[in-house]
Amino acid sequence: MNPRRKKRLTIVASVLAGVGVITSLVLYALSQNIDLFYTPHEIVHGKEDTGIKPVIGQRLRVGGLVVVGSVNRDKDSLKVKFDLTNKGEQITVKYDGILPDLFREGQGIIANGTLVADRILEASEVLAKHDENYMPKEVADALGEGHTAPEYSKEQKKSY
């Protein structure tokens, strides 16, 4: 092989190796920032199709209904603790911050955060529905067609 071809081959191999390294670094960074969606039932029993359960320390999104009577607010800070339910399973969500105005018991929400124990999520963000007919698609799909929204009296609606 003449020196000119050898030099070209070295340059092409170097470029391909560089592209491979850059691609692998980008894919690694993206995999670390993915928030997978789970329901409380899937956190306890694993995904239905694969059986994969989230591990403690994993970032994820959890969607479900806020259990009526489960919201506990700390009087001295913005800390809130409440339970989410889906298909009979419950998990506890801890959140330190201002909840959305439309957050209420019995409604569908999505919480982004980190799983800190088997059934405890430390939320960094809580998202609530925007009107009485809307529920996040992931939550509606997870709850199934048999879900009906809880009924509130006029006095309860006014308090929200």
N, C-alpha and C. Protein backbone atom coordinates (compact mmCIF):
# COMPACT_ATOMS: atom_id res chain seq x y z
N MET A 1 0.85 -1.17 0.00
CA MET A 1 0.00 0.00 0.00
C MET A 1 0.90 1.24 0.00
N ASN A 2 0.54 2.17 -0.87
CA ASN A 2 1.40 3.35 -0.94
C ASN A 2 1.08 4.30 0.22
N PRO A 3 2.01 5.22 0.54
CA PRO A 3 1.85 6.11 1.70
C PRO A 3 0.61 7.01 1.62
N ARG A 4 0.24 7.39 0.41
CA ARG A 4 -0.92 8.27 0.26
C ARG A 4 -2.21 7.55 0.68
N ARG A 5 -2.38 6.31 0.25
CA ARG A 5 -3.56 5.53 0.63
C ARG A 5 -3.56 5.22 2.12
N LYS A 6 -2.38 4.97 2.64
CA LYS A 6 -2.27 4.68 4.07
C LYS A 6 -2.71 5.90 4.90
N LYS A 7 -2.31 7.08 4.46
CA LYS A 7 -2.69 8.32 5.16
C LYS A 7 -4.20 8.54 5.09
N ARG A 8 -4.80 8.30 3.92
CA ARG A 8 -6.25 8.45 3.76
C ARG A 8 -7.00 7.46 4.65
N LEU A 9 -6.50 6.22 4.68
CA LEU A 9 -7.14 5.20 5.50
C LEU A 9 -7.08 5.56 6.98
N THR A 10 -5.96 6.11 7.41
CA THR A 10 -5.81 6.55 8.80
C THR A 10 -6.78 7.68 9.13
N ILE A 11 -6.92 8.62 8.22
CA ILE A 11 -7.83 9.75 8.44
C ILE A 11 -9.28 9.26 8.49
N VAL A 12 -9.70 8.40 7.59
CA VAL A 12 -11.06 7.87 7.57
C VAL A 12 -11.34 7.07 8.83
N ALA A 13 -10.40 6.23 9.24
CA ALA A 13 -10.57 5.44 10.46
C ALA A 13 -10.69 6.34 11.69
N SER A 14 -9.88 7.41 11.74
CA SER A 14 -9.94 8.35 12.86
C SER A 14 -11.28 9.06 12.92
N VAL A 15 -11.78 9.50 11.77
CA VAL A 15 -13.07 10.19 11.71
C VAL A 15 -14.18 9.25 12.16
N LEU A 16 -14.19 8.01 11.68
CA LEU A 16 -15.22 7.04 12.08
C LEU A 16 -15.15 6.74 13.58
N ALA A 17 -13.95 6.61 14.12
CA ALA A 17 -13.81 6.36 15.56
C ALA A 17 -14.32 7.56 16.36
N GLY A 18 -14.01 8.77 15.90
CA GLY A 18 -14.50 9.97 16.58
C GLY A 18 -16.01 10.06 16.57
N VAL A 19 -16.63 9.77 15.41
CA VAL A 19 -18.09 9.79 15.31
C VAL A 19 -18.70 8.73 16.23
N GLY A 20 -18.07 7.56 16.30
CA GLY A 20 -18.56 6.50 17.19
C GLY A 20 -18.51 6.91 18.65
N VAL A 21 -17.41 7.53 19.07
CA VAL A 21 -17.28 7.98 20.46
C VAL A 21 -18.31 9.06 20.78
N ILE A 22 -18.47 10.02 19.89
CA ILE A 22 -19.44 11.10 20.11
C ILE A 22 -20.86 10.54 20.19
N THR A 23 -21.19 9.62 19.29
CA THR A 23 -22.53 9.02 19.31
C THR A 23 -22.78 8.27 20.60
N SER A 24 -21.81 7.51 21.06
CA SER A 24 -22.01 6.76 22.30
C SER A 24 -22.14 7.69 23.50
N LEU A 25 -21.39 8.78 23.54
CA LEU A 25 -21.52 9.75 24.64
C LEU A 25 -22.89 10.43 24.64
N VAL A 26 -23.39 10.78 23.46
CA VAL A 26 -24.71 11.41 23.36
C VAL A 26 -25.79 10.43 23.82
N LEU A 27 -25.73 9.19 23.38
CA LEU A 27 -26.72 8.20 23.79
C LEU A 27 -26.67 7.94 25.29
N TYR A 28 -25.48 7.91 25.87
CA TYR A 28 -25.35 7.72 27.31
C TYR A 28 -25.97 8.90 28.06
N ALA A 29 -25.71 10.11 27.62
CA ALA A 29 -26.28 11.29 28.27
C ALA A 29 -27.80 11.30 28.17
N LEU A 30 -28.33 10.92 27.03
CA LEU A 30 -29.79 10.89 26.87
C LEU A 30 -30.42 9.82 27.74
N SER A 31 -29.78 8.69 27.88
CA SER A 31 -30.36 7.62 28.70
C SER A 31 -30.41 8.02 30.17
N GLN A 32 -29.51 8.87 30.61
CA GLN A 32 -29.51 9.32 32.00
C GLN A 32 -30.61 10.34 32.28
N ASN A 33 -31.14 10.98 31.25
CA ASN A 33 -32.15 12.02 31.43
C ASN A 33 -33.56 11.57 31.07
N ILE A 34 -33.75 10.31 30.83
CA ILE A 34 -35.08 9.82 30.45
C ILE A 34 -35.91 9.59 31.71
N ASP A 35 -37.11 10.13 31.72
CA ASP A 35 -38.06 9.89 32.80
C ASP A 35 -39.12 8.94 32.26
N LEU A 36 -39.10 7.69 32.70
CA LEU A 36 -40.05 6.71 32.22
C LEU A 36 -41.38 6.86 32.96
N PHE A 37 -42.50 6.62 32.25
CA PHE A 37 -43.82 6.75 32.86
C PHE A 37 -44.24 5.43 33.49
N TYR A 38 -44.69 5.51 34.73
CA TYR A 38 -45.21 4.37 35.46
C TYR A 38 -46.51 4.76 36.14
N THR A 39 -47.31 3.77 36.46
CA THR A 39 -48.49 3.96 37.31
C THR A 39 -48.15 3.34 38.66
N PRO A 40 -48.90 3.64 39.71
CA PRO A 40 -48.64 2.99 41.00
C PRO A 40 -48.68 1.46 40.90
N HIS A 41 -49.58 0.92 40.11
CA HIS A 41 -49.67 -0.54 39.93
C HIS A 41 -48.38 -1.08 39.31
N GLU A 42 -47.82 -0.37 38.33
CA GLU A 42 -46.59 -0.81 37.68
C GLU A 42 -45.37 -0.68 38.58
N ILE A 43 -45.38 0.29 39.48
CA ILE A 43 -44.27 0.43 40.42
C ILE A 43 -44.23 -0.76 41.36
N VAL A 44 -45.41 -1.24 41.79
CA VAL A 44 -45.48 -2.36 42.72
C VAL A 44 -45.25 -3.70 42.01
N HIS A 45 -45.90 -3.90 40.86
CA HIS A 45 -45.89 -5.20 40.19
C HIS A 45 -45.02 -5.27 38.94
N GLY A 46 -44.54 -4.16 38.44
CA GLY A 46 -43.75 -4.14 37.22
C GLY A 46 -44.63 -3.90 36.00
N LYS A 47 -43.99 -3.56 34.89
CA LYS A 47 -44.71 -3.34 33.63
C LYS A 47 -45.39 -4.63 33.20
N GLU A 48 -46.59 -4.52 32.64
CA GLU A 48 -47.35 -5.71 32.27
C GLU A 48 -46.68 -6.53 31.18
N ASP A 49 -46.10 -5.87 30.18
CA ASP A 49 -45.53 -6.61 29.07
C ASP A 49 -44.13 -7.17 29.37
N THR A 50 -43.34 -6.47 30.18
CA THR A 50 -41.97 -6.91 30.44
C THR A 50 -41.72 -7.34 31.88
N GLY A 51 -42.54 -6.88 32.81
CA GLY A 51 -42.32 -7.20 34.22
C GLY A 51 -41.25 -6.36 34.87
N ILE A 52 -40.73 -5.37 34.15
CA ILE A 52 -39.65 -4.53 34.68
C ILE A 52 -40.21 -3.58 35.73
N LYS A 53 -39.58 -3.57 36.91
CA LYS A 53 -39.95 -2.66 37.98
C LYS A 53 -38.89 -1.56 38.09
N PRO A 54 -39.30 -0.36 38.47
CA PRO A 54 -38.29 0.70 38.65
C PRO A 54 -37.42 0.39 39.87
N VAL A 55 -36.19 0.87 39.82
CA VAL A 55 -35.26 0.66 40.93
C VAL A 55 -35.18 1.92 41.77
N ILE A 56 -34.83 1.76 43.02
CA ILE A 56 -34.71 2.90 43.92
C ILE A 56 -33.60 3.81 43.40
N GLY A 57 -33.89 5.10 43.33
CA GLY A 57 -32.96 6.08 42.80
C GLY A 57 -33.23 6.44 41.35
N GLN A 58 -34.16 5.74 40.71
CA GLN A 58 -34.47 5.99 39.30
C GLN A 58 -35.40 7.19 39.17
N ARG A 59 -35.14 8.03 38.17
CA ARG A 59 -36.04 9.14 37.86
C ARG A 59 -37.19 8.62 37.03
N LEU A 60 -38.41 9.02 37.39
CA LEU A 60 -39.56 8.56 36.64
C LEU A 60 -40.73 9.51 36.78
N ARG A 61 -41.73 9.27 35.97
CA ARG A 61 -42.99 10.01 36.01
C ARG A 61 -44.05 9.03 36.48
N VAL A 62 -44.85 9.44 37.43
CA VAL A 62 -45.90 8.58 37.95
C VAL A 62 -47.23 9.30 37.78
N GLY A 63 -48.20 8.58 37.21
CA GLY A 63 -49.52 9.15 37.01
C GLY A 63 -50.57 8.31 37.70
N GLY A 64 -51.53 8.97 38.30
CA GLY A 64 -52.61 8.27 38.97
C GLY A 64 -53.58 9.27 39.57
N LEU A 65 -54.49 8.75 40.39
CA LEU A 65 -55.49 9.59 41.06
C LEU A 65 -55.04 9.87 42.48
N VAL A 66 -55.21 11.10 42.94
CA VAL A 66 -54.91 11.46 44.31
C VAL A 66 -55.99 10.84 45.20
N VAL A 67 -55.57 10.07 46.18
CA VAL A 67 -56.51 9.40 47.08
C VAL A 67 -57.20 10.45 47.95
N VAL A 68 -58.53 10.37 48.00
CA VAL A 68 -59.31 11.31 48.79
C VAL A 68 -58.97 11.13 50.27
N GLY A 69 -58.65 12.23 50.95
CA GLY A 69 -58.31 12.21 52.36
C GLY A 69 -56.85 11.93 52.66
N SER A 70 -56.01 11.82 51.63
CA SER A 70 -54.61 11.47 51.86
C SER A 70 -53.65 12.66 51.84
N VAL A 71 -54.13 13.84 51.50
CA VAL A 71 -53.24 15.00 51.38
C VAL A 71 -52.92 15.54 52.77
N ASN A 72 -51.62 15.54 53.10
CA ASN A 72 -51.13 16.07 54.39
C ASN A 72 -50.16 17.20 54.10
N ARG A 73 -50.51 18.39 54.57
CA ARG A 73 -49.65 19.56 54.36
C ARG A 73 -48.95 19.92 55.66
N ASP A 74 -47.68 20.25 55.56
CA ASP A 74 -46.91 20.70 56.71
C ASP A 74 -47.29 22.15 56.99
N LYS A 75 -47.58 22.46 58.24
CA LYS A 75 -48.03 23.82 58.58
C LYS A 75 -46.92 24.86 58.50
N ASP A 76 -45.68 24.43 58.67
CA ASP A 76 -44.57 25.38 58.72
C ASP A 76 -43.80 25.53 57.41
N SER A 77 -44.12 24.72 56.40
CA SER A 77 -43.39 24.80 55.14
C SER A 77 -44.32 24.44 53.99
N LEU A 78 -43.77 24.32 52.81
CA LEU A 78 -44.55 23.97 51.62
C LEU A 78 -44.58 22.47 51.37
N LYS A 79 -44.09 21.68 52.32
CA LYS A 79 -44.04 20.23 52.12
C LYS A 79 -45.44 19.64 52.14
N VAL A 80 -45.67 18.75 51.18
CA VAL A 80 -46.95 18.07 51.04
C VAL A 80 -46.69 16.59 50.82
N LYS A 81 -47.54 15.77 51.41
CA LYS A 81 -47.45 14.33 51.21
C LYS A 81 -48.85 13.83 50.86
N PHE A 82 -48.95 13.03 49.79
CA PHE A 82 -50.25 12.50 49.39
C PHE A 82 -50.05 11.14 48.73
N ASP A 83 -51.14 10.40 48.62
CA ASP A 83 -51.09 9.08 48.00
C ASP A 83 -51.69 9.13 46.61
N LEU A 84 -51.09 8.34 45.71
CA LEU A 84 -51.61 8.15 44.36
C LEU A 84 -52.08 6.71 44.25
N THR A 85 -53.17 6.49 43.52
CA THR A 85 -53.69 5.15 43.37
C THR A 85 -53.95 4.83 41.91
N ASN A 86 -53.92 3.53 41.62
CA ASN A 86 -54.24 3.00 40.30
C ASN A 86 -54.40 1.50 40.44
N LYS A 87 -55.52 0.98 39.99
CA LYS A 87 -55.81 -0.46 40.02
C LYS A 87 -55.61 -1.06 41.40
N GLY A 88 -56.00 -0.34 42.43
CA GLY A 88 -55.94 -0.85 43.79
C GLY A 88 -54.61 -0.69 44.49
N GLU A 89 -53.58 -0.26 43.82
CA GLU A 89 -52.27 -0.06 44.44
C GLU A 89 -52.07 1.41 44.75
N GLN A 90 -51.34 1.69 45.83
CA GLN A 90 -51.07 3.07 46.22
C GLN A 90 -49.59 3.28 46.44
N ILE A 91 -49.14 4.49 46.11
CA ILE A 91 -47.79 4.92 46.46
C ILE A 91 -47.91 6.29 47.11
N THR A 92 -46.90 6.66 47.87
CA THR A 92 -46.87 7.95 48.53
C THR A 92 -45.95 8.89 47.76
N VAL A 93 -46.42 10.12 47.57
CA VAL A 93 -45.63 11.15 46.89
C VAL A 93 -45.33 12.25 47.91
N LYS A 94 -44.05 12.60 48.02
CA LYS A 94 -43.63 13.71 48.87
C LYS A 94 -43.17 14.83 47.95
N TYR A 95 -43.66 16.03 48.22
CA TYR A 95 -43.34 17.17 47.36
C TYR A 95 -43.09 18.39 48.22
N ASP A 96 -42.05 19.14 47.90
CA ASP A 96 -41.75 20.38 48.61
C ASP A 96 -41.84 21.52 47.60
N GLY A 97 -42.97 22.19 47.59
CA GLY A 97 -43.18 23.29 46.66
C GLY A 97 -44.64 23.65 46.59
N ILE A 98 -44.94 24.56 45.70
CA ILE A 98 -46.32 25.02 45.53
C ILE A 98 -47.02 24.09 44.55
N LEU A 99 -48.14 23.53 44.98
CA LEU A 99 -48.92 22.65 44.12
C LEU A 99 -49.69 23.49 43.10
N PRO A 100 -50.01 22.92 41.94
CA PRO A 100 -50.80 23.66 40.96
C PRO A 100 -52.17 24.04 41.54
N ASP A 101 -52.74 25.12 41.05
CA ASP A 101 -54.04 25.57 41.54
C ASP A 101 -55.12 24.52 41.35
N LEU A 102 -55.03 23.72 40.32
CA LEU A 102 -56.06 22.74 40.03
C LEU A 102 -55.82 21.39 40.69
N PHE A 103 -54.82 21.28 41.55
CA PHE A 103 -54.57 20.06 42.30
C PHE A 103 -55.68 19.86 43.32
N ARG A 104 -56.26 18.67 43.32
CA ARG A 104 -57.27 18.34 44.33
C ARG A 104 -57.38 16.83 44.48
N GLU A 105 -57.98 16.43 45.57
CA GLU A 105 -58.16 15.00 45.84
C GLU A 105 -59.13 14.40 44.84
N GLY A 106 -58.87 13.17 44.44
CA GLY A 106 -59.74 12.47 43.52
C GLY A 106 -59.47 12.78 42.06
N GLN A 107 -58.50 13.62 41.75
CA GLN A 107 -58.20 14.01 40.38
C GLN A 107 -56.91 13.36 39.90
N GLY A 108 -56.77 13.26 38.59
CA GLY A 108 -55.58 12.69 37.99
C GLY A 108 -54.44 13.69 37.95
N ILE A 109 -53.25 13.24 38.33
CA ILE A 109 -52.06 14.08 38.27
C ILE A 109 -50.89 13.25 37.74
N ILE A 110 -49.82 13.95 37.38
CA ILE A 110 -48.55 13.32 37.04
C ILE A 110 -47.49 13.97 37.91
N ALA A 111 -46.66 13.14 38.55
CA ALA A 111 -45.58 13.64 39.39
C ALA A 111 -44.25 13.18 38.79
N ASN A 112 -43.34 14.11 38.59
CA ASN A 112 -41.98 13.79 38.13
C ASN A 112 -41.08 13.77 39.35
N GLY A 113 -40.25 12.75 39.47
CA GLY A 113 -39.36 12.71 40.62
C GLY A 113 -38.50 11.47 40.65
N THR A 114 -38.00 11.17 41.84
CA THR A 114 -37.09 10.05 42.05
C THR A 114 -37.71 9.08 43.04
N LEU A 115 -37.63 7.81 42.73
CA LEU A 115 -38.12 6.78 43.64
C LEU A 115 -37.11 6.63 44.77
N VAL A 116 -37.53 6.91 46.02
CA VAL A 116 -36.61 6.86 47.16
C VAL A 116 -36.81 5.61 48.02
N ALA A 117 -37.93 4.94 47.87
CA ALA A 117 -38.20 3.67 48.56
C ALA A 117 -39.18 2.89 47.68
N ASP A 118 -39.56 1.68 48.13
CA ASP A 118 -40.42 0.84 47.30
C ASP A 118 -41.69 1.55 46.84
N ARG A 119 -42.33 2.28 47.71
CA ARG A 119 -43.59 2.94 47.36
C ARG A 119 -43.57 4.43 47.69
N ILE A 120 -42.41 5.05 47.67
CA ILE A 120 -42.30 6.48 47.98
C ILE A 120 -41.55 7.19 46.87
N LEU A 121 -42.19 8.23 46.33
CA LEU A 121 -41.61 9.05 45.28
C LEU A 121 -41.34 10.44 45.84
N GLU A 122 -40.11 10.92 45.69
CA GLU A 122 -39.75 12.29 46.06
C GLU A 122 -39.92 13.12 44.80
N ALA A 123 -41.01 13.88 44.72
CA ALA A 123 -41.36 14.60 43.49
C ALA A 123 -40.60 15.92 43.38
N SER A 124 -40.20 16.25 42.18
CA SER A 124 -39.60 17.54 41.89
C SER A 124 -40.59 18.44 41.15
N GLU A 125 -41.66 17.84 40.62
CA GLU A 125 -42.67 18.59 39.88
C GLU A 125 -43.98 17.83 39.94
N VAL A 126 -45.08 18.56 40.12
CA VAL A 126 -46.41 17.96 40.11
C VAL A 126 -47.24 18.69 39.07
N LEU A 127 -47.83 17.92 38.15
CA LEU A 127 -48.65 18.49 37.08
C LEU A 127 -50.10 18.06 37.30
N ALA A 128 -51.02 18.99 37.14
CA ALA A 128 -52.44 18.69 37.33
C ALA A 128 -53.20 18.97 36.05
N LYS A 129 -54.41 18.47 35.99
CA LYS A 129 -55.27 18.68 34.82
C LYS A 129 -55.64 20.15 34.68
N HIS A 130 -56.13 20.54 33.50
CA HIS A 130 -56.43 21.96 33.32
C HIS A 130 -57.91 22.28 33.26
N ASP A 131 -58.79 21.30 33.10
CA ASP A 131 -60.22 21.53 33.27
C ASP A 131 -60.88 20.23 33.68
N GLU A 132 -62.16 20.25 33.97
CA GLU A 132 -62.80 19.06 34.53
C GLU A 132 -62.99 17.93 33.54
N ASN A 133 -62.78 18.16 32.26
CA ASN A 133 -62.94 17.10 31.27
C ASN A 133 -61.60 16.50 30.84
N TYR A 134 -60.51 17.10 31.22
CA TYR A 134 -59.20 16.65 30.75
C TYR A 134 -58.49 15.82 31.81
N MET A 135 -57.86 14.77 31.35
CA MET A 135 -56.96 13.99 32.19
C MET A 135 -55.76 13.66 31.31
N PRO A 136 -54.54 13.72 31.85
CA PRO A 136 -53.38 13.39 31.03
C PRO A 136 -53.55 12.04 30.33
N LYS A 137 -53.14 11.96 29.08
CA LYS A 137 -53.36 10.76 28.28
C LYS A 137 -52.81 9.51 28.94
N GLU A 138 -51.59 9.61 29.50
CA GLU A 138 -50.99 8.45 30.14
C GLU A 138 -51.83 7.97 31.31
N VAL A 139 -52.37 8.92 32.09
CA VAL A 139 -53.18 8.55 33.25
C VAL A 139 -54.50 7.94 32.80
N ALA A 140 -55.14 8.54 31.79
CA ALA A 140 -56.41 8.01 31.30
C ALA A 140 -56.23 6.61 30.74
N ASP A 141 -55.16 6.37 29.99
CA ASP A 141 -54.90 5.04 29.45
C ASP A 141 -54.64 4.03 30.56
N ALA A 142 -53.90 4.46 31.58
CA ALA A 142 -53.56 3.56 32.67
C ALA A 142 -54.78 3.20 33.52
N LEU A 143 -55.70 4.15 33.67
CA LEU A 143 -56.88 3.89 34.49
C LEU A 143 -57.89 3.03 33.76
N GLY A 144 -57.89 3.09 32.44
CA GLY A 144 -58.80 2.26 31.66
C GLY A 144 -60.12 2.94 31.41
N GLU A 145 -60.95 2.27 30.65
CA GLU A 145 -62.23 2.85 30.25
C GLU A 145 -63.25 2.88 31.39
N GLY A 146 -63.07 2.04 32.40
CA GLY A 146 -64.05 1.95 33.48
C GLY A 146 -63.95 3.07 34.49
N HIS A 147 -63.01 3.99 34.32
CA HIS A 147 -62.83 5.07 35.29
C HIS A 147 -63.89 6.14 35.14
N THR A 148 -64.43 6.57 36.26
CA THR A 148 -65.33 7.72 36.28
C THR A 148 -64.78 8.73 37.28
N ALA A 149 -64.92 9.99 36.96
CA ALA A 149 -64.43 11.04 37.84
C ALA A 149 -65.28 11.10 39.10
N PRO A 150 -64.70 11.41 40.26
CA PRO A 150 -65.48 11.50 41.48
C PRO A 150 -66.45 12.67 41.42
N GLU A 151 -67.58 12.49 42.06
CA GLU A 151 -68.60 13.54 42.09
C GLU A 151 -68.36 14.44 43.30
N TYR A 152 -68.48 15.74 43.10
CA TYR A 152 -68.32 16.71 44.17
C TYR A 152 -69.62 17.50 44.30
N SER A 153 -69.92 17.87 45.53
CA SER A 153 -71.08 18.74 45.74
C SER A 153 -70.69 20.16 45.35
N LYS A 154 -71.68 21.04 45.27
CA LYS A 154 -71.40 22.44 44.90
C LYS A 154 -70.49 23.11 45.92
N GLU A 155 -70.63 22.74 47.22
CA GLU A 155 -69.80 23.34 48.26
C GLU A 155 -68.34 22.89 48.09
N GLN A 156 -68.13 21.62 47.75
CA GLN A 156 -66.78 21.12 47.56
C GLN A 156 -66.12 21.79 46.35
N LYS A 157 -66.87 22.00 45.27
CA LYS A 157 -66.32 22.63 44.07
C LYS A 157 -65.92 24.07 44.36
N LYS A 158 -66.71 24.78 45.19
CA LYS A 158 -66.41 26.15 45.50
C LYS A 158 -65.14 26.26 46.34
N SER A 159 -64.85 25.25 47.17
CA SER A 159 -63.69 25.33 48.03
C SER A 159 -62.40 25.19 47.24
N TYR A 160 -62.48 24.69 46.01
CA TYR A 160 -61.28 24.56 45.18
C TYR A 160 -61.19 25.77 44.31
